[in-house]
Amino acid sequence: MKIEYGYTFGLPKGIVWRELKDENILRNSLPGCKSFIEKAKGFYQAELEINIGPIEDVFIFEIWRNIEKSPSYYRLIVKGKGNLGEIDTTIDILMEESQGTTKLTFSADAQVMGALSLAGERILAAGAKKSLESFFLKMEKEIKRRLYQLKRGSR
């Protein structure tokens, strides 16, 4: 299953690049996130509650930052397991800056196994895109909130 998504942050690329890898920003931005821990540099474990239509489950994900080309590209390898099945995916994230904004392109190639795969690609892809939209909107708010706090703290 292929998933493509684009989002434009109203922030410069350097800031988005730095904050996109921050454990606290990620934890606060991921929909249904119960826990998010950096186990080692570039290796995370997350527990996420997934609600896509009639599908409800809790998945444990292992996430590796596999390839990194600062400050424009990285690849994630993600493996998740829940009661309803497993998800293995490779995610490519590309960022381009234009006039102080950052256009992020998200491209995933996911394999869904088990009962979860019976839901159908259209339902899963639509649910994934809705989750991505929520994730990036929350992430931008979290980054802006942090920048505001840092600015206020430096006065």
Protein backbone atom coordinates (compact mmCIF):
# COMPACT_ATOMS: atom_id res chain seq x y z
CA MET A 1 0.00 0.00 0.00
CA LYS A 2 1.47 3.34 -1.05
CA ILE A 3 0.70 6.53 0.84
CA GLU A 4 1.70 9.98 -0.38
CA TYR A 5 1.13 13.12 1.66
CA GLY A 6 2.34 16.70 1.53
CA TYR A 7 2.33 19.39 4.19
CA THR A 8 3.66 22.94 4.25
CA PHE A 9 4.96 24.29 7.54
CA GLY A 10 4.96 28.04 8.07
CA LEU A 11 8.51 27.67 9.42
CA PRO A 12 12.04 27.56 7.99
CA LYS A 13 13.47 24.16 7.05
CA GLY A 14 16.25 24.21 9.66
CA ILE A 15 13.73 24.49 12.48
CA VAL A 16 11.42 21.81 11.04
CA TRP A 17 14.40 19.48 10.49
CA ARG A 18 15.55 19.83 14.09
CA GLU A 19 12.12 19.57 15.69
CA LEU A 20 10.88 16.70 13.51
CA LYS A 21 13.32 14.44 15.36
CA ASP A 22 12.53 15.68 18.88
CA GLU A 23 11.09 12.99 21.16
CA ASN A 24 8.75 15.37 23.03
CA ILE A 25 7.43 17.03 19.88
CA LEU A 26 6.78 13.63 18.32
CA ARG A 27 5.06 12.24 21.44
CA ASN A 28 2.77 15.26 21.67
CA SER A 29 1.96 15.23 17.94
CA LEU A 30 1.26 11.57 17.19
CA PRO A 31 -2.49 10.82 17.21
CA GLY A 32 -3.36 8.17 19.80
CA CYS A 33 0.16 8.17 21.26
CA LYS A 34 0.30 6.37 24.61
CA SER A 35 4.13 6.38 24.79
CA PHE A 36 7.08 7.44 22.67
CA ILE A 37 10.63 6.74 23.81
CA GLU A 38 13.99 7.16 22.12
CA LYS A 39 15.72 3.87 22.99
CA ALA A 40 18.98 4.78 21.22
CA LYS A 41 20.06 7.53 18.84
CA GLY A 42 17.70 7.30 15.87
CA PHE A 43 15.74 4.33 17.30
CA TYR A 44 12.33 4.86 18.88
CA GLN A 45 9.60 2.72 20.38
CA ALA A 46 6.01 3.95 20.35
CA GLU A 47 2.69 2.66 21.58
CA LEU A 48 -0.17 4.06 19.51
CA GLU A 49 -3.91 3.56 19.71
CA ILE A 50 -5.19 3.21 16.17
CA ASN A 51 -8.79 4.07 15.24
CA ILE A 52 -9.60 3.78 11.55
CA GLY A 53 -13.31 3.40 10.97
CA PRO A 54 -14.35 0.17 12.71
CA ILE A 55 -10.72 -0.78 13.41
CA GLU A 56 -9.50 -0.16 16.95
CA ASP A 57 -6.24 -1.59 18.26
CA VAL A 58 -3.09 -0.68 20.14
CA PHE A 59 0.13 -1.14 18.21
CA ILE A 60 3.71 -1.22 19.44
CA PHE A 61 5.98 0.35 16.82
CA GLU A 62 9.75 0.25 16.41
CA ILE A 63 11.01 3.16 14.33
CA TRP A 64 14.53 3.54 12.92
CA ARG A 65 15.95 6.62 11.22
CA ASN A 66 17.70 4.60 8.53
CA ILE A 67 19.20 7.19 6.17
CA GLU A 68 19.71 10.85 6.97
CA LYS A 69 20.87 13.63 4.64
CA SER A 70 20.77 16.81 6.68
CA PRO A 71 18.73 19.02 6.41
CA SER A 72 16.52 17.75 3.60
CA TYR A 73 15.87 14.02 3.66
CA TYR A 74 15.57 10.99 5.81
CA ARG A 75 14.19 7.48 5.60
CA LEU A 76 12.38 5.68 8.39
CA ILE A 77 11.90 1.96 8.77
CA VAL A 78 8.79 1.23 10.84
CA LYS A 79 7.56 -2.11 12.15
CA GLY A 80 4.37 -2.34 14.18
CA LYS A 81 2.45 -5.14 15.82
CA GLY A 82 -1.02 -5.20 17.33
CA ASN A 83 -3.76 -7.72 18.01
CA LEU A 84 -5.18 -7.24 14.51
CA GLY A 85 -1.94 -7.69 12.59
CA GLU A 86 1.36 -6.16 11.63
CA ILE A 87 2.54 -3.18 9.65
CA ASP A 88 5.97 -2.93 7.99
CA THR A 89 6.75 0.26 6.15
CA THR A 90 9.51 2.35 4.68
CA ILE A 91 8.92 6.10 4.84
CA ASP A 92 10.79 8.74 2.87
CA ILE A 93 10.58 12.33 4.07
CA LEU A 94 11.83 15.14 1.86
CA MET A 95 11.87 18.81 2.83
CA GLU A 96 12.29 21.86 0.62
CA GLU A 97 12.37 25.48 1.78
CA SER A 98 10.63 28.27 -0.08
CA GLN A 99 10.38 31.85 1.22
CA GLY A 100 10.56 30.88 4.88
CA THR A 101 8.18 27.93 4.64
CA THR A 102 9.00 24.24 4.45
CA LYS A 103 7.24 21.87 2.07
CA LEU A 104 7.42 18.36 3.44
CA THR A 105 6.71 15.37 1.21
CA PHE A 106 5.89 12.10 2.93
CA SER A 107 5.98 8.88 0.92
CA ALA A 108 5.37 5.46 2.46
CA ASP A 109 5.32 1.96 1.11
CA ALA A 110 3.48 -0.15 3.69
CA GLN A 111 2.79 -3.85 3.96
CA VAL A 112 -0.18 -4.71 6.14
CA MET A 113 -0.62 -8.25 7.41
CA GLY A 114 -3.15 -10.18 9.45
CA ALA A 115 -6.79 -9.26 10.05
CA LEU A 116 -5.89 -5.59 9.58
CA SER A 117 -5.26 -6.26 5.88
CA LEU A 118 -8.90 -7.33 5.45
CA ALA A 119 -10.02 -3.73 6.03
CA GLY A 120 -9.08 -2.83 2.48
CA GLU A 121 -6.48 -0.49 1.09
CA ARG A 122 -8.86 2.44 0.52
CA ILE A 123 -10.02 2.48 4.15
CA LEU A 124 -6.48 2.10 5.50
CA ALA A 125 -5.01 4.73 3.16
CA ALA A 126 -7.79 7.22 3.99
CA GLY A 127 -7.28 6.63 7.73
CA ALA A 128 -3.51 7.02 7.36
CA LYS A 129 -3.88 10.32 5.50
CA LYS A 130 -6.28 11.64 8.13
CA SER A 131 -3.78 10.67 10.85
CA LEU A 132 -0.92 12.32 8.93
CA GLU A 133 -2.90 15.53 8.57
CA SER A 134 -3.60 15.57 12.31
CA PHE A 135 0.04 14.71 13.08
CA PHE A 136 1.56 17.52 11.01
CA LEU A 137 -0.99 20.12 12.18
CA LYS A 138 -0.26 19.23 15.83
CA MET A 139 3.47 19.15 15.14
CA GLU A 140 3.44 22.67 13.69
CA LYS A 141 1.50 23.92 16.74
CA GLU A 142 3.95 22.16 19.10
CA ILE A 143 6.98 23.65 17.32
CA LYS A 144 5.50 27.16 17.34
CA ARG A 145 4.56 26.79 21.02
CA ARG A 146 8.12 25.75 21.86
CA LEU A 147 9.62 28.62 19.87
CA TYR A 148 7.28 31.07 21.62
CA GLN A 149 8.30 29.69 25.03
CA LEU A 150 11.99 29.92 24.14
CA LYS A 151 11.52 33.50 22.92
CA ARG A 152 9.68 34.49 26.10
CA GLY A 153 12.31 32.77 28.26
CA SER A 154 15.14 34.71 26.63
CA ARG A 155 13.68 38.08 27.60
